[in-house]
Protein backbone atom coordinates (compact mmCIF):
# COMPACT_ATOMS: atom_id res chain seq x y z
CA UNK A 1 94.37 148.25 93.75
CA UNK A 2 96.88 148.06 90.56
CA UNK A 3 95.23 146.58 87.50
CA UNK A 4 98.61 144.47 87.25
CA UNK A 5 98.89 140.83 88.64
CA UNK A 6 99.01 141.14 92.19
CA UNK A 7 98.45 139.32 95.80
CA UNK A 8 99.19 140.06 99.36
CA UNK A 9 102.02 139.59 101.94
CA UNK A 10 101.58 140.28 105.37
CA UNK A 11 104.80 141.08 107.68
CA UNK A 12 104.88 138.93 111.08
CA UNK A 13 104.38 141.24 113.95
CA UNK A 14 106.55 138.86 116.06
CA UNK A 15 109.13 137.15 113.59
CA UNK A 16 110.34 133.82 114.31
CA UNK A 17 113.79 133.54 115.85
CA UNK A 18 116.65 134.01 113.96
CA UNK A 19 117.96 130.58 112.44
CA UNK A 20 115.16 128.90 113.20
CA UNK A 21 113.16 126.80 110.46
CA UNK A 22 110.34 129.04 110.24
CA UNK A 23 113.01 132.08 109.93
CA UNK A 24 114.77 130.09 107.13
CA UNK A 25 111.59 129.59 105.12
CA UNK A 26 109.72 132.86 105.49
CA UNK A 27 112.16 135.89 106.08
CA UNK A 28 114.01 137.58 103.46
CA UNK A 29 116.56 140.90 103.41
CA UNK A 30 115.09 143.60 101.25
CA UNK A 31 117.14 146.69 100.70
CA UNK A 32 119.06 145.82 103.83
CA UNK A 33 115.85 145.46 105.92
CA UNK A 34 114.90 142.08 107.19
CA UNK A 35 111.65 140.96 106.74
CA UNK A 36 109.47 137.91 107.59
CA UNK A 37 106.33 137.67 105.37
CA UNK A 38 103.26 135.55 105.16
CA UNK A 39 102.12 135.42 101.48
CA UNK A 40 98.64 134.58 100.42
CA UNK A 41 97.54 132.77 97.36
CA UNK A 42 95.97 134.69 94.45
CA UNK A 43 92.25 134.51 94.51
CA UNK A 44 90.12 131.81 92.91
CA UNK A 45 86.88 132.65 91.96
CA UNK A 46 85.85 129.29 91.88
CA UNK A 47 86.79 128.58 95.75
CA UNK A 48 83.70 129.78 97.97
CA UNK A 49 85.92 129.57 100.89
CA UNK A 50 88.60 132.05 99.54
CA UNK A 51 90.76 134.32 102.08
CA UNK A 52 90.00 137.23 99.95
CA UNK A 53 88.46 138.10 96.87
CA UNK A 54 89.03 140.87 94.03
CA UNK A 55 86.12 142.97 92.41
CA UNK A 56 86.55 146.17 90.62
CA UNK A 57 89.69 146.79 91.94
CA UNK A 58 88.78 146.24 95.42
CA UNK A 59 89.95 143.38 97.74
CA UNK A 60 87.55 142.01 100.38
CA UNK A 61 89.14 139.50 103.20
CA UNK A 62 86.86 137.14 104.77
CA UNK A 63 85.84 137.81 108.09
CA UNK A 64 87.78 135.29 109.97
CA UNK A 65 91.01 136.52 108.32
CA UNK A 66 90.13 140.27 109.45
CA UNK A 67 89.74 138.92 112.90
CA UNK A 68 93.33 137.52 112.70
CA UNK A 69 94.74 140.79 111.66
CA UNK A 70 92.95 142.09 114.43
CA UNK A 71 94.42 140.09 116.89
CA UNK A 72 97.89 141.66 115.87
CA UNK A 73 99.43 138.73 114.20
CA UNK A 74 100.27 140.45 110.78
CA UNK A 75 100.12 143.86 109.57
CA UNK A 76 99.26 144.54 105.77
CA UNK A 77 100.91 145.56 102.85
CA UNK A 78 101.22 144.55 99.08
CA UNK A 79 103.64 142.97 97.20
CA UNK A 80 104.25 142.29 93.32
CA UNK A 81 103.44 139.11 92.11
CA UNK A 82 107.15 138.05 91.51
CA UNK A 83 107.56 136.93 95.42
CA UNK A 84 105.09 134.12 94.06
CA UNK A 85 101.93 133.08 96.40
CA UNK A 86 100.87 130.91 99.14
CA UNK A 87 98.46 130.37 101.95
CA UNK A 88 99.73 130.68 105.40
CA UNK A 89 97.91 129.38 108.05
CA UNK A 90 99.55 130.24 111.26
CA UNK A 91 102.11 133.24 112.18
CA UNK A 92 105.35 130.95 112.26
CA UNK A 93 103.91 128.77 109.36
CA UNK A 94 106.86 128.20 106.47
CA UNK A 95 105.89 129.55 103.37
CA UNK A 96 106.24 126.80 100.52
CA UNK A 97 107.78 126.35 97.02
CA UNK A 98 107.57 126.58 94.03
CA UNK A 99 105.72 129.66 95.75
CA UNK A 100 108.25 130.71 98.35
CA UNK A 101 109.72 133.95 99.10
CA UNK A 102 112.83 132.64 99.75
CA UNK A 103 114.29 130.75 96.56
CA UNK A 104 117.67 129.34 97.23
CA UNK A 105 119.69 126.42 98.65
CA UNK A 106 120.06 127.81 102.24
CA UNK A 107 116.57 127.69 102.44
CA UNK A 108 115.75 123.92 103.59
CA UNK A 109 111.82 124.63 103.28
CA UNK A 110 111.69 126.06 99.67
CA UNK A 111 110.07 122.81 98.44
CA UNK A 112 107.66 122.89 101.67
CA UNK A 113 104.15 123.87 101.96
CA UNK A 114 103.27 126.57 104.42
CA UNK A 115 101.04 123.46 106.24
CA UNK A 116 104.55 122.15 107.35
CA UNK A 117 105.91 118.87 105.87
CA UNK A 118 105.34 114.88 106.32
CA UNK A 119 107.58 111.95 105.46
CA UNK A 120 106.86 109.08 103.20
CA UNK A 121 108.78 105.95 104.54
CA UNK A 122 108.71 102.63 102.16
CA UNK A 123 110.64 100.26 100.46
CA UNK A 124 111.14 99.28 96.64
CA UNK A 125 111.01 95.42 96.66
CA UNK A 126 111.93 92.77 93.97
CA UNK A 127 113.98 95.14 92.08
CA UNK A 128 117.53 93.32 90.60
CA UNK A 129 120.27 95.48 91.90
CA UNK A 130 121.56 97.86 89.52
CA UNK A 131 117.98 98.70 88.51
CA UNK A 132 116.24 102.07 88.87
CA UNK A 133 112.90 103.23 88.64
CA UNK A 134 111.04 106.79 88.74
CA UNK A 135 108.09 107.71 91.10
CA UNK A 136 106.13 110.92 90.66
CA UNK A 137 104.89 112.43 93.90
CA UNK A 138 102.38 115.01 93.69
CA UNK A 139 104.27 115.90 90.04
CA UNK A 140 107.51 115.59 91.46
CA UNK A 141 110.02 112.80 90.00
CA UNK A 142 112.29 110.99 92.33
CA UNK A 143 114.36 108.13 91.14
CA UNK A 144 114.43 104.98 93.44
CA UNK A 145 116.44 101.66 93.61
CA UNK A 146 116.14 98.71 95.42
CA UNK A 147 115.39 98.92 99.01
CA UNK A 148 114.18 101.55 101.75
CA UNK A 149 113.43 105.01 100.63
CA UNK A 150 112.13 108.18 102.47
CA UNK A 151 110.62 111.70 101.17
CA UNK A 152 109.86 114.66 102.93
CA UNK A 153 107.29 116.53 100.77
CA UNK A 154 104.99 119.33 101.79
CA UNK A 155 101.97 118.41 104.22
CA UNK A 156 99.14 118.26 101.82
CA UNK A 157 97.26 115.17 100.42
CA UNK A 158 99.47 113.22 97.93
CA UNK A 159 99.09 110.60 95.43
CA UNK A 160 102.09 108.64 93.76
CA UNK A 161 102.73 106.43 90.58
CA UNK A 162 105.68 104.94 88.97
CA UNK A 163 106.23 107.31 86.15
CA UNK A 164 109.11 105.31 84.41
CA UNK A 165 109.48 101.34 84.66
CA UNK A 166 113.04 99.66 85.69
CA UNK A 167 115.89 100.24 83.48
CA UNK A 168 119.48 99.55 83.60
CA UNK A 169 121.98 102.42 82.35
CA UNK A 170 118.69 103.46 80.49
CA UNK A 171 117.97 100.23 78.69
CA UNK A 172 114.42 99.00 79.99
CA UNK A 173 114.44 95.39 81.92
CA UNK A 174 110.98 94.77 80.77
CA UNK A 175 110.15 94.54 84.50
CA UNK A 176 106.71 96.16 85.67
CA UNK A 177 106.48 97.93 89.13
CA UNK A 178 103.25 99.44 90.76
CA UNK A 179 103.24 101.81 93.93
CA UNK A 180 101.19 100.34 96.17
CA UNK A 181 98.68 102.38 98.63
CA UNK A 182 99.77 105.21 96.20
CA UNK A 183 97.48 107.77 98.00
CA UNK A 184 97.14 109.59 101.39
CA UNK A 185 96.27 112.53 103.70
CA UNK A 186 98.78 115.47 104.74
CA UNK A 187 100.08 113.04 107.28
CA UNK A 188 103.19 110.94 107.47
CA UNK A 189 102.98 107.47 106.23
CA UNK A 190 105.32 104.72 107.06
CA UNK A 191 105.34 101.06 105.53
CA UNK A 192 104.64 102.07 101.89
CA UNK A 193 105.99 99.73 99.06
CA UNK A 194 106.93 100.02 95.55
CA UNK A 195 106.28 96.25 94.36
CA UNK A 196 108.08 94.75 91.03
CA UNK A 197 106.65 92.00 89.47
CA UNK A 198 108.74 88.75 89.17
CA UNK A 199 106.68 86.56 86.84
CA UNK A 200 107.70 84.88 83.16
CA UNK A 201 106.84 82.26 80.86
CA UNK A 202 109.95 80.43 79.10
CA UNK A 203 109.32 78.39 76.55
CA UNK A 204 111.64 75.32 75.31
CA UNK A 205 112.84 74.30 71.92
CA UNK A 206 110.16 74.00 69.23
CA UNK A 207 110.25 70.37 67.99
CA UNK A 208 109.17 71.65 64.58
CA UNK A 209 112.60 72.25 64.44
CA UNK A 210 114.44 70.03 66.93
CA UNK A 211 113.90 66.38 66.29
CA UNK A 212 111.98 64.32 68.99
CA UNK A 213 113.79 63.06 71.78
CA UNK A 214 113.78 59.54 73.46
CA UNK A 215 114.81 58.92 76.83
CA UNK A 216 116.21 55.41 78.28
CA UNK A 217 114.60 54.15 81.33
CA UNK A 218 115.86 55.28 84.83
CA UNK A 219 117.63 57.99 83.38
CA UNK A 220 116.86 61.36 84.64
CA UNK A 221 117.61 64.22 82.23
CA UNK A 222 116.84 67.87 81.42
CA UNK A 223 114.39 68.32 79.14
CA UNK A 224 116.17 68.89 75.84
CA UNK A 225 116.27 72.30 74.17
CA UNK A 226 115.19 74.03 77.79
CA UNK A 227 118.03 75.96 78.94
CA UNK A 228 118.31 76.13 82.71
CA UNK A 229 116.78 79.33 84.37
CA UNK A 230 117.75 81.72 86.95
CA UNK A 231 116.14 84.04 89.63
CA UNK A 232 117.54 86.10 92.06
CA UNK A 233 115.38 87.12 95.03
CA UNK A 234 115.67 89.83 97.71
CA UNK A 235 114.16 88.05 100.44
CA UNK A 236 112.40 84.70 101.35
CA UNK A 237 109.20 84.18 98.96
CA UNK A 238 106.71 81.74 97.63
CA UNK A 239 107.47 80.55 94.15
CA UNK A 240 104.77 79.01 91.87
CA UNK A 241 106.18 77.11 89.01
CA UNK A 242 103.99 75.36 86.21
CA UNK A 243 105.35 73.11 83.49
CA UNK A 244 103.47 72.19 80.67
CA UNK A 245 104.93 69.40 78.26
CA UNK A 246 102.83 69.70 75.13
CA UNK A 247 102.67 65.66 74.41
CA UNK A 248 104.59 62.73 75.37
CA UNK A 249 103.97 59.32 73.75
CA UNK A 250 104.99 55.83 74.30
CA UNK A 251 107.41 54.49 71.43
CA UNK A 252 108.29 51.09 72.05
CA UNK A 253 109.13 48.22 74.58
CA UNK A 254 107.46 45.74 76.61
CA UNK A 255 106.01 47.93 79.68
CA UNK A 256 103.89 50.43 79.65
CA UNK A 257 106.14 53.22 81.03
CA UNK A 258 105.43 55.80 83.62
CA UNK A 259 107.21 59.22 82.98
CA UNK A 260 107.87 61.94 85.60
CA UNK A 261 108.39 65.46 85.21
CA UNK A 262 110.20 67.47 87.77
CA UNK A 263 112.24 70.40 88.43
CA UNK A 264 115.81 70.42 89.68
CA UNK A 265 116.40 73.57 91.92
CA UNK A 266 119.81 74.77 92.66
CA UNK A 267 121.33 71.81 91.48
CA UNK A 268 120.49 69.60 94.25
CA UNK A 269 116.56 69.90 95.20
CA UNK A 270 113.92 67.97 92.98
CA UNK A 271 110.48 69.38 93.05
CA UNK A 272 108.36 66.57 90.98
CA UNK A 273 105.61 68.57 88.96
CA UNK A 274 103.85 65.36 86.88
CA UNK A 275 103.34 61.92 86.85
CA UNK A 276 101.80 59.98 83.80
CA UNK A 277 101.53 56.51 83.04
CA UNK A 278 101.49 55.94 79.10
CA UNK A 279 99.67 53.08 77.42
CA UNK A 280 100.69 51.56 73.90
CA UNK A 281 97.59 52.07 72.54
CA UNK A 282 97.42 55.68 73.53
CA UNK A 283 99.61 58.60 71.74
CA UNK A 284 100.18 62.21 72.41
CA UNK A 285 99.16 62.50 76.22
CA UNK A 286 99.48 66.10 76.95
CA UNK A 287 100.56 66.82 80.53
CA UNK A 288 101.16 69.83 83.26
CA UNK A 289 101.97 70.02 86.86
CA UNK A 290 103.01 73.11 89.45
CA UNK A 291 104.70 73.11 92.69
CA UNK A 292 104.65 75.80 95.22
CA UNK A 293 108.26 76.05 96.56
CA UNK A 294 109.55 78.58 99.48
CA UNK A 295 113.31 79.60 98.21
CA UNK A 296 115.73 81.84 100.07
CA UNK A 297 116.98 85.08 99.37
CA UNK A 298 119.74 85.29 96.63
CA UNK A 299 120.44 83.76 93.30
CA UNK A 300 118.82 80.26 92.29
CA UNK A 301 118.85 78.15 89.19
CA UNK A 302 115.88 75.64 88.00
CA UNK A 303 116.03 73.33 85.34
CA UNK A 304 112.95 71.12 84.00
CA UNK A 305 113.81 67.27 84.02
CA UNK A 306 112.31 64.15 83.13
CA UNK A 307 112.40 60.50 83.85
CA UNK A 308 110.79 57.29 82.84
CA UNK A 309 110.48 53.90 84.27
CA UNK A 310 110.83 51.66 81.22
CA UNK A 311 110.11 51.46 77.57
CA UNK A 312 110.93 54.01 75.09
CA UNK A 313 109.37 57.55 75.20
CA UNK A 314 109.14 60.43 72.81
CA UNK A 315 108.98 63.85 74.01
CA UNK A 316 106.66 66.52 72.10
CA UNK A 317 106.83 64.92 68.66
CA UNK A 318 105.92 67.42 65.86
CA UNK A 319 104.45 66.71 62.35
CA UNK A 320 105.14 70.48 62.13
CA UNK A 321 101.61 71.37 62.18
CA UNK A 322 102.26 74.25 64.73
CA UNK A 323 104.93 74.71 67.14
CA UNK A 324 105.21 72.52 70.12
CA UNK A 325 107.40 74.01 72.87
CA UNK A 326 107.38 73.05 76.73
CA UNK A 327 106.67 76.16 78.44
CA UNK A 328 107.70 76.96 82.19
CA UNK A 329 105.78 79.58 83.97
CA UNK A 330 107.53 81.13 87.30
CA UNK A 331 105.36 83.34 89.45
CA UNK A 332 107.07 84.87 92.76
CA UNK A 333 103.58 85.39 94.62
CA UNK A 334 105.06 88.09 96.88
CA UNK A 335 106.05 90.10 94.11
CA UNK A 336 102.49 90.46 92.77
CA UNK A 337 100.86 93.79 93.43
CA UNK A 338 97.30 92.29 94.46
CA UNK A 339 99.01 89.72 96.73
CA UNK A 340 97.77 89.81 100.20
CA UNK A 341 98.24 86.37 102.06
CA UNK A 342 98.68 82.81 101.14
CA UNK A 343 97.35 79.56 102.55
CA UNK A 344 98.81 76.41 101.33
CA UNK A 345 99.70 72.93 102.45
CA UNK A 346 100.45 69.06 101.41
CA UNK A 347 98.69 65.92 102.30
CA UNK A 348 100.77 63.01 103.22
CA UNK A 349 102.04 61.21 99.92
CA UNK A 350 101.49 57.78 98.70
CA UNK A 351 98.48 56.04 97.21
CA UNK A 352 95.01 56.18 98.64
CA UNK A 353 91.32 55.48 97.59
CA UNK A 354 89.28 57.88 95.77
CA UNK A 355 88.52 60.63 98.23
CA UNK A 356 88.22 64.17 98.52
CA UNK A 357 91.26 66.42 99.46
CA UNK A 358 90.49 69.95 101.29
CA UNK A 359 92.73 72.79 102.84
CA UNK A 360 91.67 76.11 104.55
CA UNK A 361 91.51 79.19 102.34
CA UNK A 362 93.84 82.13 103.38
CA UNK A 363 91.87 84.08 106.15
CA UNK A 364 90.30 87.44 104.87
CA UNK A 365 87.04 89.28 104.27
CA UNK A 366 84.12 87.90 102.43
CA UNK A 367 83.98 89.43 99.13
CA UNK A 368 87.43 89.55 98.41
CA UNK A 369 88.85 87.58 95.56
CA UNK A 370 91.25 84.25 95.68
CA UNK A 371 93.66 82.61 93.20
CA UNK A 372 93.85 79.14 93.72
CA UNK A 373 95.90 76.17 92.78
CA UNK A 374 96.51 72.43 93.16
CA UNK A 375 98.56 69.60 92.21
CA UNK A 376 100.40 66.58 93.13
CA UNK A 377 97.46 64.07 92.35
CA UNK A 378 97.84 61.43 89.48
CA UNK A 379 94.62 59.83 88.98
CA UNK A 380 94.11 56.01 87.45
CA UNK A 381 90.86 54.57 86.47
CA UNK A 382 90.84 50.85 86.17
CA UNK A 383 87.44 50.78 84.25
CA UNK A 384 86.42 52.30 81.07
CA UNK A 385 84.22 55.46 82.23
CA UNK A 386 86.91 57.90 83.50
CA UNK A 387 86.77 60.27 86.62
CA UNK A 388 85.59 63.59 87.08
CA UNK A 389 87.92 66.09 89.60
CA UNK A 390 85.59 69.01 91.11
CA UNK A 391 87.10 72.07 92.45
CA UNK A 392 85.27 74.14 94.87
CA UNK A 393 86.15 77.07 96.97
CA UNK A 394 83.97 78.92 99.40
CA UNK A 395 81.08 76.86 98.48
CA UNK A 396 81.30 77.70 94.73
CA UNK A 397 82.46 75.48 92.09
CA UNK A 398 85.58 77.01 90.21
CA UNK A 399 86.70 74.39 88.01
CA UNK A 400 86.13 70.59 86.43
CA UNK A 401 88.57 68.11 85.13
CA UNK A 402 87.18 64.92 83.68
CA UNK A 403 88.85 62.07 81.91
CA UNK A 404 87.60 58.87 80.42
CA UNK A 405 87.89 56.22 77.46
CA UNK A 406 84.97 54.55 75.49
CA UNK A 407 87.32 51.97 74.03
CA UNK A 408 90.46 49.85 75.35
CA UNK A 409 90.86 48.51 78.98
CA UNK A 410 91.05 51.51 81.11
CA UNK A 411 92.65 54.56 81.12
CA UNK A 412 96.46 55.54 82.03
CA UNK A 413 97.40 57.65 85.02
CA UNK A 414 97.28 61.39 84.76
CA UNK A 415 98.15 64.29 86.41
CA UNK A 416 95.70 66.59 87.37
CA UNK A 417 96.85 70.22 88.16
CA UNK A 418 94.54 73.26 88.25
CA UNK A 419 94.63 77.18 88.65
CA UNK A 420 91.30 78.86 89.26
CA UNK A 421 89.89 81.89 89.96
CA UNK A 422 87.19 82.97 92.54
CA UNK A 423 85.84 86.54 92.14
CA UNK A 424 83.83 86.88 95.50
CA UNK A 425 84.52 84.81 98.89
CA UNK A 426 80.99 84.38 100.18
CA UNK A 427 81.44 81.91 102.67
CA UNK A 428 84.48 80.46 104.71
CA UNK A 429 84.08 77.03 103.36
CA UNK A 430 87.57 75.56 102.35
CA UNK A 431 89.32 74.82 99.08
CA UNK A 432 88.34 71.26 98.34
CA UNK A 433 88.69 68.83 95.44
CA UNK A 434 86.33 65.86 94.88
CA UNK A 435 87.70 63.05 93.13
CA UNK A 436 84.58 60.86 91.66
CA UNK A 437 84.91 57.83 89.47
CA UNK A 438 82.47 57.86 86.33
CA UNK A 439 80.20 54.86 87.77
CA UNK A 440 79.95 53.64 91.07
CA UNK A 441 81.30 50.27 90.29
CA UNK A 442 84.83 51.68 89.41
CA UNK A 443 87.23 52.59 92.16
CA UNK A 444 89.88 55.27 91.42
CA UNK A 445 93.39 55.16 92.82
CA UNK A 446 95.05 58.53 93.71
CA UNK A 447 98.67 58.84 93.80
CA UNK A 448 99.96 61.75 95.88
CA UNK A 449 103.32 62.41 94.87
CA UNK A 450 105.47 64.09 97.60
CA UNK A 451 102.01 65.01 99.01
CA UNK A 452 99.34 67.03 97.28
CA UNK A 453 99.68 70.70 97.19
CA UNK A 454 96.66 72.97 97.39
CA UNK A 455 96.37 76.44 98.37
CA UNK A 456 95.00 79.59 97.61
CA UNK A 457 96.29 83.40 97.57
CA UNK A 458 93.88 85.96 99.05
CA UNK A 459 94.06 89.20 96.75
CA UNK A 460 93.62 92.68 97.76
CA UNK A 461 91.11 95.32 96.35
CA UNK A 462 93.30 96.46 93.80
CA UNK A 463 93.37 93.32 91.96
CA UNK A 464 92.47 93.70 88.07
CA UNK A 465 91.27 90.62 86.81
CA UNK A 466 88.42 89.38 84.36
CA UNK A 467 87.04 85.56 84.21
CA UNK A 468 84.70 83.70 82.30
CA UNK A 469 83.25 80.06 82.50
CA UNK A 470 80.96 78.11 80.27
CA UNK A 471 79.36 74.71 80.76
CA UNK A 472 78.81 73.29 77.18
CA UNK A 473 75.54 71.51 77.21
CA UNK A 474 76.33 70.23 73.77
CA UNK A 475 79.94 69.42 73.19
CA UNK A 476 81.87 72.31 71.07
CA UNK A 477 83.03 71.08 67.92
CA UNK A 478 86.27 71.79 65.84
CA UNK A 479 86.19 70.22 62.48
CA UNK A 480 89.36 69.73 60.14
CA UNK A 481 88.85 68.76 56.78
CA UNK A 482 91.07 66.18 55.09
CA UNK A 483 94.27 68.37 53.88
CA UNK A 484 98.02 67.96 53.54
CA UNK A 485 99.56 67.99 57.33
CA UNK A 486 101.14 70.87 57.07
CA UNK A 487 98.18 73.02 57.05
CA UNK A 488 96.53 74.76 60.08
CA UNK A 489 92.57 74.59 60.16
CA UNK A 490 90.82 77.42 61.77
CA UNK A 491 90.50 77.36 65.55
CA UNK A 492 87.04 77.48 67.72
CA UNK A 493 86.80 79.91 70.31
CA UNK A 494 85.56 78.38 73.43
CA UNK A 495 86.11 81.50 75.91
CA UNK A 496 87.05 84.93 75.89
CA UNK A 497 87.99 87.93 78.27
CA UNK A 498 89.00 91.28 78.03
CA UNK A 499 91.14 93.59 80.59
CA UNK A 500 90.29 97.33 79.44
CA UNK A 501 92.30 99.42 81.89
CA UNK A 502 95.36 97.17 82.09
CA UNK A 503 98.71 99.50 81.45
CA UNK A 504 101.05 98.87 78.83
CA UNK A 505 104.10 96.61 79.83
CA UNK A 506 102.20 95.01 82.77
CA UNK A 507 102.47 91.13 83.17
CA UNK A 508 98.90 89.34 82.79
CA UNK A 509 98.77 85.86 84.17
CA UNK A 510 96.43 84.08 81.51
CA UNK A 511 95.13 80.49 82.45
CA UNK A 512 92.47 78.38 81.53
CA UNK A 513 91.03 74.83 82.14
CA UNK A 514 88.88 72.68 79.77
CA UNK A 515 87.07 69.68 81.35
CA UNK A 516 87.76 67.36 78.71
CA UNK A 517 88.70 67.08 75.14
CA UNK A 518 88.69 64.49 72.67
CA UNK A 519 88.84 63.49 68.95
CA UNK A 520 86.87 60.87 66.83
CA UNK A 521 88.96 58.05 65.37
CA UNK A 522 92.82 58.95 64.84
CA UNK A 523 92.21 62.68 65.02
CA UNK A 524 94.53 65.13 66.95
CA UNK A 525 94.00 68.26 68.60
CA UNK A 526 95.51 71.09 70.16
CA UNK A 527 94.29 73.31 72.76
CA UNK A 528 95.96 76.89 73.46
CA UNK A 529 95.76 80.40 74.28
CA UNK A 530 95.68 83.23 71.95
CA UNK A 531 96.48 86.72 73.47
CA UNK A 532 96.02 90.49 72.19
CA UNK A 533 94.36 89.46 68.90
CA UNK A 534 97.49 89.52 67.21
CA UNK A 535 98.38 87.79 63.76
CA UNK A 536 101.24 85.77 65.85
CA UNK A 537 100.72 82.21 65.70
CA UNK A 538 100.17 81.15 69.18
CA UNK A 539 102.28 78.12 70.65
CA UNK A 540 100.59 75.24 70.97
CA UNK A 541 100.44 74.20 74.31
CA UNK A 542 98.92 70.71 73.90
CA UNK A 543 98.53 68.03 71.02
CA UNK A 544 96.68 65.27 71.68
CA UNK A 545 96.27 61.66 69.36
CA UNK A 546 93.83 60.60 71.50
CA UNK A 547 91.70 58.13 69.70
CA UNK A 548 88.59 58.75 71.52
CA UNK A 549 90.02 59.14 74.77
CA UNK A 550 88.99 62.15 76.63
CA UNK A 551 91.77 64.56 78.34
CA UNK A 552 91.43 67.40 80.89
CA UNK A 553 93.51 70.70 80.18
CA UNK A 554 95.12 73.17 82.36
CA UNK A 555 97.44 75.66 80.52
CA UNK A 556 98.54 79.03 81.42
CA UNK A 557 100.71 82.04 79.99
CA UNK A 558 102.09 85.15 81.34
CA UNK A 559 101.93 87.70 78.61
CA UNK A 560 102.70 91.21 78.64
CA UNK A 561 100.27 94.08 77.57
CA UNK A 562 101.50 95.49 74.13
CA UNK A 563 101.03 99.16 73.58
CA UNK A 564 97.97 100.21 71.76
CA UNK A 565 96.40 96.90 71.81
CA UNK A 566 93.48 96.21 73.80
CA UNK A 567 94.06 92.88 76.01
CA UNK A 568 92.25 90.18 74.97
CA UNK A 569 92.71 86.39 75.68
CA UNK A 570 90.83 83.40 74.04
CA UNK A 571 90.89 79.81 74.92
CA UNK A 572 90.87 77.96 71.54
CA UNK A 573 90.47 74.50 70.13
CA UNK A 574 91.68 73.30 66.84
CA UNK A 575 91.45 69.82 65.14
CA UNK A 576 94.26 68.92 63.15
CA UNK A 577 93.73 67.55 59.86
CA UNK A 578 94.74 63.99 58.58
CA UNK A 579 95.56 63.11 55.19
CA UNK A 580 92.69 61.68 53.19
CA UNK A 581 90.56 61.56 56.64
CA UNK A 582 88.54 64.37 58.42
CA UNK A 583 88.79 65.11 62.11
CA UNK A 584 86.53 66.27 64.46
CA UNK A 585 87.63 67.07 68.34
CA UNK A 586 85.32 68.19 70.73
CA UNK A 587 85.48 70.35 74.13
CA UNK A 588 83.12 68.92 76.64
CA UNK A 589 81.77 70.20 79.98
CA UNK A 590 83.03 73.36 81.96
CA UNK A 591 85.51 75.47 80.56
CA UNK A 592 87.10 78.36 82.50
CA UNK A 593 89.38 81.23 81.51
CA UNK A 594 90.82 83.97 83.33
CA UNK A 595 93.20 87.03 82.92
CA UNK A 596 94.85 88.52 85.94
CA UNK A 597 97.09 91.54 86.10
CA UNK A 598 100.01 90.78 88.03
């Protein structure tokens, strides 16, 4: 054999029919003579099952291949390497590109393997019109837009990934997409999906630069400095909203007002999110509320609103110690890459005595992860000992929220929402919330606004999440020395989580609950999330001038993984200093923190 690069090709003893697919793929005209070739790959020394090997200028063929030659299906010959190489497995199999013997546009099989072809059928979902993205399938780039796709590729095992995230006219949109079920065998596949996440956290105006606002009784108004949001859905979807109000306080008037926060959807549909009743001797009540809303295909608008029953109410007042911005988190659950199924429902609205509320979990396999949510319940304790809401799922406690007062005549009504994460479903027990008074002599009053929403999301095996929990036997302290009000003392970290393998640009839902926080004397505190360990001062999700009143907290944000920075999230508690007086604040009971890559 020649010392130069070489390979083998075999002329077919029975050429395929003229004009057939195999003919177009394997037959060439050389010096006016039509030749139909079966070409072999160059030998791989590491392959123990190679068709042939070359040693000391001698080619040795495998016994099985020699048997095929003796059967008369091919006759031997050599060709230069310039015709490229492949392996043929049948006498009528086409030769593949980029190693095909026939490299021209008239050959429909120039991009196919000798083992045949397969088709991959699927759809790109939740990608806005006008945007495109690129996917890589076995090293070949393809550009896709919203809607159905179909590829014909060589019949070999395949892998796929999104290689370029969405853009419009070359400008990135900031959206993140994932190729689901992104690998397969050498067979055709249907029902594939490239899913693009629709999830954001939007912030309203900072009262550090916008004056505090008051609202007259009985007037529903948009939350100031919070513009209407828009969302365009390709199909009917379940959308989870979470509204966070840093603080709302009683200003003046003869009545202790009830304040309701909601979401005006498409100008005519209201989802009530949070209801609190304020007391004249309590200031700085933070509140949050969530709602799950099914929205049809097409564009939608939504605007956070508030309404008070009487008295004067001040919304997120600020003394310039940190940014106080209302936040609206919107998650289209169907667009999340690990979303598998949803189960949720509402209880009958109206007041009821203290009790338990439960809901069946999504059906699924034991051992899978669950994202859990609940809202729609405002709790009032007429005594001084408060209440505890214990959230359990599949037999495991996943969150606790407590409230109470050591002074004064009882507690105001408080909204009690939660997000929670269960890493493994070990039993089929339901999602359950138990509301219990601080003492057996007290009776809680539960007010269910439009029914209590309670539900869970079953997550697929590809979920990427980290969660941490801590039960403080001794309350965690955050201390601020007496200083000028403009300063910000160092925070106290309660919990931390890392996501080591999350991709740059991917949105991550970070949420945390603290069972209760309180400050001694007239002090105030804010609890917040810090993400990625950047030097940027985080927004303060809650501010409480609590006066020894313990309050539960839920806060969340959708944060994007930043390039070159490990994804790291922290739940922080900061005591805010007072002029001429120190402040000591505490986090009591259970705290939970989860980072979930959407």
